[in-house]
Amino acid sequence: MTDIKFSNEEKEILVKKIQEYFLKELDRDIKQFDTEFLLDFISKEVGVYFYNKGLYDAQSILERKLEDISEGIYELEKITEFQR
């Protein structure tokens, strides 16, 4: 997996959200530079866990859908003398 990259617009939004959280919940005012370093750390070190969880969730959904499709095909199958 490559590093998680955000566009400039996404990064601005995320930095603002982190700064607002620190101010509201921790009564700490952190500057843009420090917040960007924190965001980079979270993206690199923690982001992979969220990324993998998303992959596992997507895989689970896909498996359920494929099972539904397989059952649907089985229901369409016509009875013949041939046995698989």
PDB file of N, CA and C in Angstrom:
ATOM      1  N   MET A   1       0.846  -1.177   0.000  1.00  0.00           N
ATOM      2  CA  MET A   1       0.000   0.000   0.000  1.00  0.00           C
ATOM      3  C   MET A   1       0.886   1.233   0.000  1.00  0.00           C
ATOM      4  N   THR A   2       0.520   2.192  -0.785  1.00  0.00           N
ATOM      5  CA  THR A   2       1.247   3.450  -0.784  1.00  0.00           C
ATOM      6  C   THR A   2       0.764   4.302   0.385  1.00  0.00           C
ATOM      7  N   ASP A   3       1.532   5.319   0.714  1.00  0.00           N
ATOM      8  CA  ASP A   3       1.136   6.226   1.791  1.00  0.00           C
ATOM      9  C   ASP A   3      -0.187   6.892   1.447  1.00  0.00           C
ATOM     10  N   ILE A   4      -0.948   7.174   2.476  1.00  0.00           N
ATOM     11  CA  ILE A   4      -2.217   7.874   2.284  1.00  0.00           C
ATOM     12  C   ILE A   4      -1.901   9.335   1.980  1.00  0.00           C
ATOM     13  N   LYS A   5      -2.395   9.806   0.867  1.00  0.00           N
ATOM     14  CA  LYS A   5      -2.163  11.189   0.442  1.00  0.00           C
ATOM     15  C   LYS A   5      -3.504  11.905   0.360  1.00  0.00           C
ATOM     16  N   PHE A   6      -3.502  13.154   0.776  1.00  0.00           N
ATOM     17  CA  PHE A   6      -4.694  13.978   0.693  1.00  0.00           C
ATOM     18  C   PHE A   6      -4.418  15.152  -0.230  1.00  0.00           C
ATOM     19  N   SER A   7      -5.450  15.592  -0.922  1.00  0.00           N
ATOM     20  CA  SER A   7      -5.319  16.807  -1.726  1.00  0.00           C
ATOM     21  C   SER A   7      -5.141  17.990  -0.779  1.00  0.00           C
ATOM     22  N   ASN A   8      -4.729  19.114  -1.310  1.00  0.00           N
ATOM     23  CA  ASN A   8      -4.564  20.312  -0.480  1.00  0.00           C
ATOM     24  C   ASN A   8      -5.871  20.705   0.195  1.00  0.00           C
ATOM     25  N   GLU A   9      -6.967  20.591  -0.542  1.00  0.00           N
ATOM     26  CA  GLU A   9      -8.275  20.939   0.014  1.00  0.00           C
ATOM     27  C   GLU A   9      -8.660  19.990   1.148  1.00  0.00           C
ATOM     28  N   GLU A  10      -8.420  18.688   0.949  1.00  0.00           N
ATOM     29  CA  GLU A  10      -8.725  17.713   1.999  1.00  0.00           C
ATOM     30  C   GLU A  10      -7.858  17.968   3.234  1.00  0.00           C
ATOM     31  N   LYS A  11      -6.580  18.248   2.990  1.00  0.00           N
ATOM     32  CA  LYS A  11      -5.655  18.490   4.097  1.00  0.00           C
ATOM     33  C   LYS A  11      -6.089  19.724   4.898  1.00  0.00           C
ATOM     34  N   GLU A  12      -6.516  20.767   4.214  1.00  0.00           N
ATOM     35  CA  GLU A  12      -6.997  21.976   4.903  1.00  0.00           C
ATOM     36  C   GLU A  12      -8.177  21.655   5.814  1.00  0.00           C
ATOM     37  N   ILE A  13      -9.112  20.867   5.299  1.00  0.00           N
ATOM     38  CA  ILE A  13     -10.294  20.493   6.092  1.00  0.00           C
ATOM     39  C   ILE A  13      -9.884  19.664   7.297  1.00  0.00           C
ATOM     40  N   LEU A  14      -9.017  18.675   7.088  1.00  0.00           N
ATOM     41  CA  LEU A  14      -8.587  17.807   8.186  1.00  0.00           C
ATOM     42  C   LEU A  14      -7.793  18.573   9.242  1.00  0.00           C
ATOM     43  N   VAL A  15      -6.919  19.453   8.809  1.00  0.00           N
ATOM     44  CA  VAL A  15      -6.143  20.268   9.749  1.00  0.00           C
ATOM     45  C   VAL A  15      -7.087  21.119  10.592  1.00  0.00           C
ATOM     46  N   LYS A  16      -8.066  21.715   9.952  1.00  0.00           N
ATOM     47  CA  LYS A  16      -9.031  22.551  10.675  1.00  0.00           C
ATOM     48  C   LYS A  16      -9.818  21.722  11.689  1.00  0.00           C
ATOM     49  N   LYS A  17     -10.223  20.518  11.300  1.00  0.00           N
ATOM     50  CA  LYS A  17     -10.973  19.644  12.213  1.00  0.00           C
ATOM     51  C   LYS A  17     -10.116  19.256  13.422  1.00  0.00           C
ATOM     52  N   ILE A  18      -8.854  18.953  13.197  1.00  0.00           N
ATOM     53  CA  ILE A  18      -7.962  18.592  14.300  1.00  0.00           C
ATOM     54  C   ILE A  18      -7.770  19.786  15.232  1.00  0.00           C
ATOM     55  N   GLN A  19      -7.547  20.962  14.657  1.00  0.00           N
ATOM     56  CA  GLN A  19      -7.375  22.158  15.475  1.00  0.00           C
ATOM     57  C   GLN A  19      -8.627  22.457  16.303  1.00  0.00           C
ATOM     58  N   GLU A  20      -9.796  22.309  15.688  1.00  0.00           N
ATOM     59  CA  GLU A  20     -11.053  22.542  16.406  1.00  0.00           C
ATOM     60  C   GLU A  20     -11.230  21.534  17.531  1.00  0.00           C
ATOM     61  N   TYR A  21     -10.869  20.279  17.276  1.00  0.00           N
ATOM     62  CA  TYR A  21     -10.979  19.249  18.310  1.00  0.00           C
ATOM     63  C   TYR A  21     -10.074  19.581  19.494  1.00  0.00           C
ATOM     64  N   PHE A  22      -8.815  19.912  19.219  1.00  0.00           N
ATOM     65  CA  PHE A  22      -7.880  20.231  20.286  1.00  0.00           C
ATOM     66  C   PHE A  22      -8.354  21.427  21.108  1.00  0.00           C
ATOM     67  N   LEU A  23      -8.896  22.415  20.429  1.00  0.00           N
ATOM     68  CA  LEU A  23      -9.364  23.606  21.129  1.00  0.00           C
ATOM     69  C   LEU A  23     -10.598  23.297  21.974  1.00  0.00           C
ATOM     70  N   LYS A  24     -11.544  22.584  21.398  1.00  0.00           N
ATOM     71  CA  LYS A  24     -12.810  22.305  22.094  1.00  0.00           C
ATOM     72  C   LYS A  24     -12.634  21.279  23.212  1.00  0.00           C
ATOM     73  N   GLU A  25     -11.974  20.171  22.913  1.00  0.00           N
ATOM     74  CA  GLU A  25     -11.906  19.063  23.864  1.00  0.00           C
ATOM     75  C   GLU A  25     -10.729  19.157  24.838  1.00  0.00           C
ATOM     76  N   LEU A  26      -9.629  19.757  24.396  1.00  0.00           N
ATOM     77  CA  LEU A  26      -8.423  19.781  25.227  1.00  0.00           C
ATOM     78  C   LEU A  26      -8.002  21.183  25.639  1.00  0.00           C
ATOM     79  N   ASP A  27      -8.771  22.174  25.169  1.00  0.00           N
ATOM     80  CA  ASP A  27      -8.469  23.568  25.451  1.00  0.00           C
ATOM     81  C   ASP A  27      -7.024  23.915  25.089  1.00  0.00           C
ATOM     82  N   ARG A  28      -6.599  23.388  23.935  1.00  0.00           N
ATOM     83  CA  ARG A  28      -5.239  23.619  23.436  1.00  0.00           C
ATOM     84  C   ARG A  28      -5.326  24.201  22.034  1.00  0.00           C
ATOM     85  N   ASP A  29      -4.579  25.258  21.812  1.00  0.00           N
ATOM     86  CA  ASP A  29      -4.523  25.883  20.496  1.00  0.00           C
ATOM     87  C   ASP A  29      -3.239  25.415  19.822  1.00  0.00           C
ATOM     88  N   ILE A  30      -3.376  24.582  18.792  1.00  0.00           N
ATOM     89  CA  ILE A  30      -2.180  24.125  18.088  1.00  0.00           C
ATOM     90  C   ILE A  30      -2.115  24.798  16.723  1.00  0.00           C
ATOM     91  N   LYS A  31      -0.926  25.114  16.334  1.00  0.00           N
ATOM     92  CA  LYS A  31      -0.700  25.867  15.100  1.00  0.00           C
ATOM     93  C   LYS A  31      -0.750  24.965  13.876  1.00  0.00           C
ATOM     94  N   GLN A  32      -0.879  25.584  12.735  1.00  0.00           N
ATOM     95  CA  GLN A  32      -0.989  24.891  11.446  1.00  0.00           C
ATOM     96  C   GLN A  32       0.152  23.898  11.239  1.00  0.00           C
ATOM     97  N   PHE A  33       1.362  24.340  11.476  1.00  0.00           N
ATOM     98  CA  PHE A  33       2.551  23.518  11.247  1.00  0.00           C
ATOM     99  C   PHE A  33       2.517  22.249  12.103  1.00  0.00           C
ATOM    100  N   ASP A  34       2.232  22.400  13.387  1.00  0.00           N
ATOM    101  CA  ASP A  34       2.162  21.251  14.296  1.00  0.00           C
ATOM    102  C   ASP A  34       1.010  20.321  13.919  1.00  0.00           C
ATOM    103  N   THR A  35      -0.087  20.911  13.522  1.00  0.00           N
ATOM    104  CA  THR A  35      -1.256  20.116  13.146  1.00  0.00           C
ATOM    105  C   THR A  35      -0.974  19.300  11.897  1.00  0.00           C
ATOM    106  N   GLU A  36      -0.277  19.869  10.941  1.00  0.00           N
ATOM    107  CA  GLU A  36       0.072  19.126   9.724  1.00  0.00           C
ATOM    108  C   GLU A  36       1.000  17.957  10.038  1.00  0.00           C
ATOM    109  N   PHE A  37       1.946  18.153  10.951  1.00  0.00           N
ATOM    110  CA  PHE A  37       2.808  17.051  11.368  1.00  0.00           C
ATOM    111  C   PHE A  37       1.997  15.953  12.051  1.00  0.00           C
ATOM    112  N   LEU A  38       1.045  16.336  12.890  1.00  0.00           N
ATOM    113  CA  LEU A  38       0.182  15.366  13.555  1.00  0.00           C
ATOM    114  C   LEU A  38      -0.646  14.601  12.527  1.00  0.00           C
ATOM    115  N   LEU A  39      -1.195  15.313  11.559  1.00  0.00           N
ATOM    116  CA  LEU A  39      -1.980  14.670  10.507  1.00  0.00           C
ATOM    117  C   LEU A  39      -1.117  13.692   9.712  1.00  0.00           C
ATOM    118  N   ASP A  40       0.103  14.081   9.391  1.00  0.00           N
ATOM    119  CA  ASP A  40       1.010  13.183   8.663  1.00  0.00           C
ATOM    120  C   ASP A  40       1.305  11.933   9.481  1.00  0.00           C
ATOM    121  N   PHE A  41       1.514  12.103  10.787  1.00  0.00           N
ATOM    122  CA  PHE A  41       1.764  10.956  11.657  1.00  0.00           C
ATOM    123  C   PHE A  41       0.559  10.025  11.690  1.00  0.00           C
ATOM    124  N   ILE A  42      -0.624  10.598  11.898  1.00  0.00           N
ATOM    125  CA  ILE A  42      -1.843   9.784  11.957  1.00  0.00           C
ATOM    126  C   ILE A  42      -2.047   9.051  10.634  1.00  0.00           C
ATOM    127  N   SER A  43      -1.842   9.747   9.526  1.00  0.00           N
ATOM    128  CA  SER A  43      -2.023   9.134   8.210  1.00  0.00           C
ATOM    129  C   SER A  43      -1.071   7.967   8.012  1.00  0.00           C
ATOM    130  N   LYS A  44       0.174   8.157   8.408  1.00  0.00           N
ATOM    131  CA  LYS A  44       1.189   7.138   8.173  1.00  0.00           C
ATOM    132  C   LYS A  44       1.087   5.975   9.152  1.00  0.00           C
ATOM    133  N   GLU A  45       0.941   6.269  10.425  1.00  0.00           N
ATOM    134  CA  GLU A  45       1.015   5.231  11.457  1.00  0.00           C
ATOM    135  C   GLU A  45      -0.332   4.623  11.826  1.00  0.00           C
ATOM    136  N   VAL A  46      -1.390   5.398  11.782  1.00  0.00           N
ATOM    137  CA  VAL A  46      -2.706   4.924  12.208  1.00  0.00           C
ATOM    138  C   VAL A  46      -3.617   4.683  11.013  1.00  0.00           C
ATOM    139  N   GLY A  47      -3.421   5.455   9.972  1.00  0.00           N
ATOM    140  CA  GLY A  47      -4.288   5.372   8.803  1.00  0.00           C
ATOM    141  C   GLY A  47      -4.371   3.996   8.189  1.00  0.00           C
ATOM    142  N   VAL A  48      -3.274   3.240   8.245  1.00  0.00           N
ATOM    143  CA  VAL A  48      -3.279   1.908   7.640  1.00  0.00           C
ATOM    144  C   VAL A  48      -4.271   0.975   8.327  1.00  0.00           C
ATOM    145  N   TYR A  49      -4.509   1.181   9.620  1.00  0.00           N
ATOM    146  CA  TYR A  49      -5.480   0.355  10.331  1.00  0.00           C
ATOM    147  C   TYR A  49      -6.899   0.645   9.835  1.00  0.00           C
ATOM    148  N   PHE A  50      -7.196   1.920   9.623  1.00  0.00           N
ATOM    149  CA  PHE A  50      -8.498   2.296   9.083  1.00  0.00           C
ATOM    150  C   PHE A  50      -8.640   1.825   7.639  1.00  0.00           C
ATOM    151  N   TYR A  51      -7.575   1.943   6.882  1.00  0.00           N
ATOM    152  CA  TYR A  51      -7.560   1.488   5.492  1.00  0.00           C
ATOM    153  C   TYR A  51      -7.846  -0.014   5.427  1.00  0.00           C
ATOM    154  N   ASN A  52      -7.122  -0.790   6.239  1.00  0.00           N
ATOM    155  CA  ASN A  52      -7.330  -2.241   6.250  1.00  0.00           C
ATOM    156  C   ASN A  52      -8.738  -2.600   6.707  1.00  0.00           C
ATOM    157  N   LYS A  53      -9.252  -1.914   7.704  1.00  0.00           N
ATOM    158  CA  LYS A  53     -10.617  -2.174   8.174  1.00  0.00           C
ATOM    159  C   LYS A  53     -11.612  -1.923   7.051  1.00  0.00           C
ATOM    160  N   GLY A  54     -11.401  -0.877   6.286  1.00  0.00           N
ATOM    161  CA  GLY A  54     -12.266  -0.599   5.130  1.00  0.00           C
ATOM    162  C   GLY A  54     -12.191  -1.710   4.100  1.00  0.00           C
ATOM    163  N   LEU A  55     -10.980  -2.229   3.867  1.00  0.00           N
ATOM    164  CA  LEU A  55     -10.823  -3.341   2.931  1.00  0.00           C
ATOM    165  C   LEU A  55     -11.556  -4.582   3.421  1.00  0.00           C
ATOM    166  N   TYR A  56     -11.416  -4.886   4.729  1.00  0.00           N
ATOM    167  CA  TYR A  56     -12.093  -6.064   5.285  1.00  0.00           C
ATOM    168  C   TYR A  56     -13.607  -5.923   5.182  1.00  0.00           C
ATOM    169  N   ASP A  57     -14.109  -4.727   5.466  1.00  0.00           N
ATOM    170  CA  ASP A  57     -15.550  -4.489   5.361  1.00  0.00           C
ATOM    171  C   ASP A  57     -16.023  -4.645   3.917  1.00  0.00           C
ATOM    172  N   ALA A  58     -15.257  -4.101   2.965  1.00  0.00           N
ATOM    173  CA  ALA A  58     -15.619  -4.216   1.551  1.00  0.00           C
ATOM    174  C   ALA A  58     -15.581  -5.675   1.107  1.00  0.00           C
ATOM    175  N   GLN A  59     -14.582  -6.404   1.560  1.00  0.00           N
ATOM    176  CA  GLN A  59     -14.469  -7.820   1.207  1.00  0.00           C
ATOM    177  C   GLN A  59     -15.656  -8.611   1.754  1.00  0.00           C
ATOM    178  N   SER A  60     -16.067  -8.317   2.963  1.00  0.00           N
ATOM    179  CA  SER A  60     -17.207  -8.989   3.570  1.00  0.00           C
ATOM    180  C   SER A  60     -18.486  -8.730   2.781  1.00  0.00           C
ATOM    181  N   ILE A  61     -18.697  -7.489   2.384  1.00  0.00           N
ATOM    182  CA  ILE A  61     -19.881  -7.145   1.586  1.00  0.00           C
ATOM    183  C   ILE A  61     -19.837  -7.866   0.244  1.00  0.00           C
ATOM    184  N   LEU A  62     -18.683  -7.863  -0.387  1.00  0.00           N
ATOM    185  CA  LEU A  62     -18.529  -8.523  -1.677  1.00  0.00           C
ATOM    186  C   LEU A  62     -18.800 -10.023  -1.564  1.00  0.00           C
ATOM    187  N   GLU A  63     -18.289 -10.659  -0.513  1.00  0.00           N
ATOM    188  CA  GLU A  63     -18.533 -12.085  -0.321  1.00  0.00           C
ATOM    189  C   GLU A  63     -20.028 -12.382  -0.168  1.00  0.00           C
ATOM    190  N   ARG A  64     -20.733 -11.535   0.596  1.00  0.00           N
ATOM    191  CA  ARG A  64     -22.184 -11.734   0.761  1.00  0.00           C
ATOM    192  C   ARG A  64     -22.918 -11.574  -0.566  1.00  0.00           C
ATOM    193  N   LYS A  65     -22.533 -10.577  -1.341  1.00  0.00           N
ATOM    194  CA  LYS A  65     -23.180 -10.351  -2.640  1.00  0.00           C
ATOM    195  C   LYS A  65     -22.906 -11.510  -3.592  1.00  0.00           C
ATOM    196  N   LEU A  66     -21.660 -12.001  -3.602  1.00  0.00           N
ATOM    197  CA  LEU A  66     -21.330 -13.135  -4.473  1.00  0.00           C
ATOM    198  C   LEU A  66     -22.096 -14.387  -4.062  1.00  0.00           C
ATOM    199  N   GLU A  67     -22.287 -14.560  -2.766  1.00  0.00           N
ATOM    200  CA  GLU A  67     -23.075 -15.694  -2.282  1.00  0.00           C
ATOM    201  C   GLU A  67     -24.527 -15.566  -2.752  1.00  0.00           C
ATOM    202  N   ASP A  68     -25.075 -14.346  -2.699  1.00  0.00           N
ATOM    203  CA  ASP A  68     -26.438 -14.107  -3.190  1.00  0.00           C
ATOM    204  C   ASP A  68     -26.541 -14.420  -4.678  1.00  0.00           C
ATOM    205  N   ILE A  69     -25.537 -14.029  -5.446  1.00  0.00           N
ATOM    206  CA  ILE A  69     -25.531 -14.289  -6.886  1.00  0.00           C
ATOM    207  C   ILE A  69     -25.456 -15.791  -7.141  1.00  0.00           C
ATOM    208  N   SER A  70     -24.594 -16.483  -6.403  1.00  0.00           N
ATOM    209  CA  SER A  70     -24.473 -17.937  -6.572  1.00  0.00           C
ATOM    210  C   SER A  70     -25.791 -18.634  -6.269  1.00  0.00           C
ATOM    211  N   GLU A  71     -26.454 -18.210  -5.203  1.00  0.00           N
ATOM    212  CA  GLU A  71     -27.753 -18.793  -4.859  1.00  0.00           C
ATOM    213  C   GLU A  71     -28.776 -18.495  -5.951  1.00  0.00           C
ATOM    214  N   GLY A  72     -28.748 -17.292  -6.488  1.00  0.00           N
ATOM    215  CA  GLY A  72     -29.674 -16.916  -7.561  1.00  0.00           C
ATOM    216  C   GLY A  72     -29.458 -17.763  -8.802  1.00  0.00           C
ATOM    217  N   ILE A  73     -28.196 -18.008  -9.145  1.00  0.00           N
ATOM    218  CA  ILE A  73     -27.893 -18.855 -10.305  1.00  0.00           C
ATOM    219  C   ILE A  73     -28.352 -20.277 -10.044  1.00  0.00           C
ATOM    220  N   TYR A  74     -28.121 -20.780  -8.841  1.00  0.00           N
ATOM    221  CA  TYR A  74     -28.549 -22.139  -8.498  1.00  0.00           C
ATOM    222  C   TYR A  74     -30.066 -22.269  -8.628  1.00  0.00           C
ATOM    223  N   GLU A  75     -30.804 -21.233  -8.219  1.00  0.00           N
ATOM    224  CA  GLU A  75     -32.263 -21.270  -8.323  1.00  0.00           C
ATOM    225  C   GLU A  75     -32.729 -21.292  -9.782  1.00  0.00           C
ATOM    226  N   LEU A  76     -31.940 -20.725 -10.692  1.00  0.00           N
ATOM    227  CA  LEU A  76     -32.289 -20.704 -12.110  1.00  0.00           C
ATOM    228  C   LEU A  76     -31.968 -22.019 -12.817  1.00  0.00           C
ATOM    229  N   GLU A  77     -31.126 -22.823 -12.194  1.00  0.00           N
ATOM    230  CA  GLU A  77     -30.681 -24.061 -12.822  1.00  0.00           C
ATOM    231  C   GLU A  77     -31.866 -25.005 -13.049  1.00  0.00           C
ATOM    232  N   LYS A  78     -31.888 -25.596 -14.220  1.00  0.00           N
ATOM    233  CA  LYS A  78     -32.942 -26.545 -14.585  1.00  0.00           C
ATOM    234  C   LYS A  78     -32.483 -27.963 -14.251  1.00  0.00           C
ATOM    235  N   ILE A  79     -33.423 -28.791 -13.877  1.00  0.00           N
ATOM    236  CA  ILE A  79     -33.113 -30.180 -13.548  1.00  0.00           C
ATOM    237  C   ILE A  79     -32.851 -30.952 -14.840  1.00  0.00           C
ATOM    238  N   THR A  80     -31.752 -31.697 -14.830  1.00  0.00           N
ATOM    239  CA  THR A  80     -31.396 -32.546 -15.969  1.00  0.00           C
ATOM    240  C   THR A  80     -30.942 -33.893 -15.440  1.00  0.00           C
ATOM    241  N   GLU A  81     -30.674 -34.796 -16.348  1.00  0.00           N
ATOM    242  CA  GLU A  81     -30.161 -36.113 -15.965  1.00  0.00           C
ATOM    243  C   GLU A  81     -28.684 -36.029 -15.566  1.00  0.00           C
ATOM    244  N   PHE A  82     -28.021 -34.992 -15.992  1.00  0.00           N
ATOM    245  CA  PHE A  82     -26.603 -34.817 -15.709  1.00  0.00           C
ATOM    246  C   PHE A  82     -26.414 -34.380 -14.252  1.00  0.00           C
ATOM    247  N   GLN A  83     -25.533 -35.048 -13.554  1.00  0.00           N
ATOM    248  CA  GLN A  83     -25.226 -34.688 -12.171  1.00  0.00           C
ATOM    249  C   GLN A  83     -23.812 -34.113 -12.105  1.00  0.00           C
ATOM    250  N   ARG A  84     -23.634 -33.039 -11.408  1.00  0.00           N
ATOM    251  CA  ARG A  84     -22.298 -32.453 -11.216  1.00  0.00           C
ATOM    252  C   ARG A  84     -21.638 -33.045 -10.030  1.00  0.00           C
TER     253      ARG A  84
END
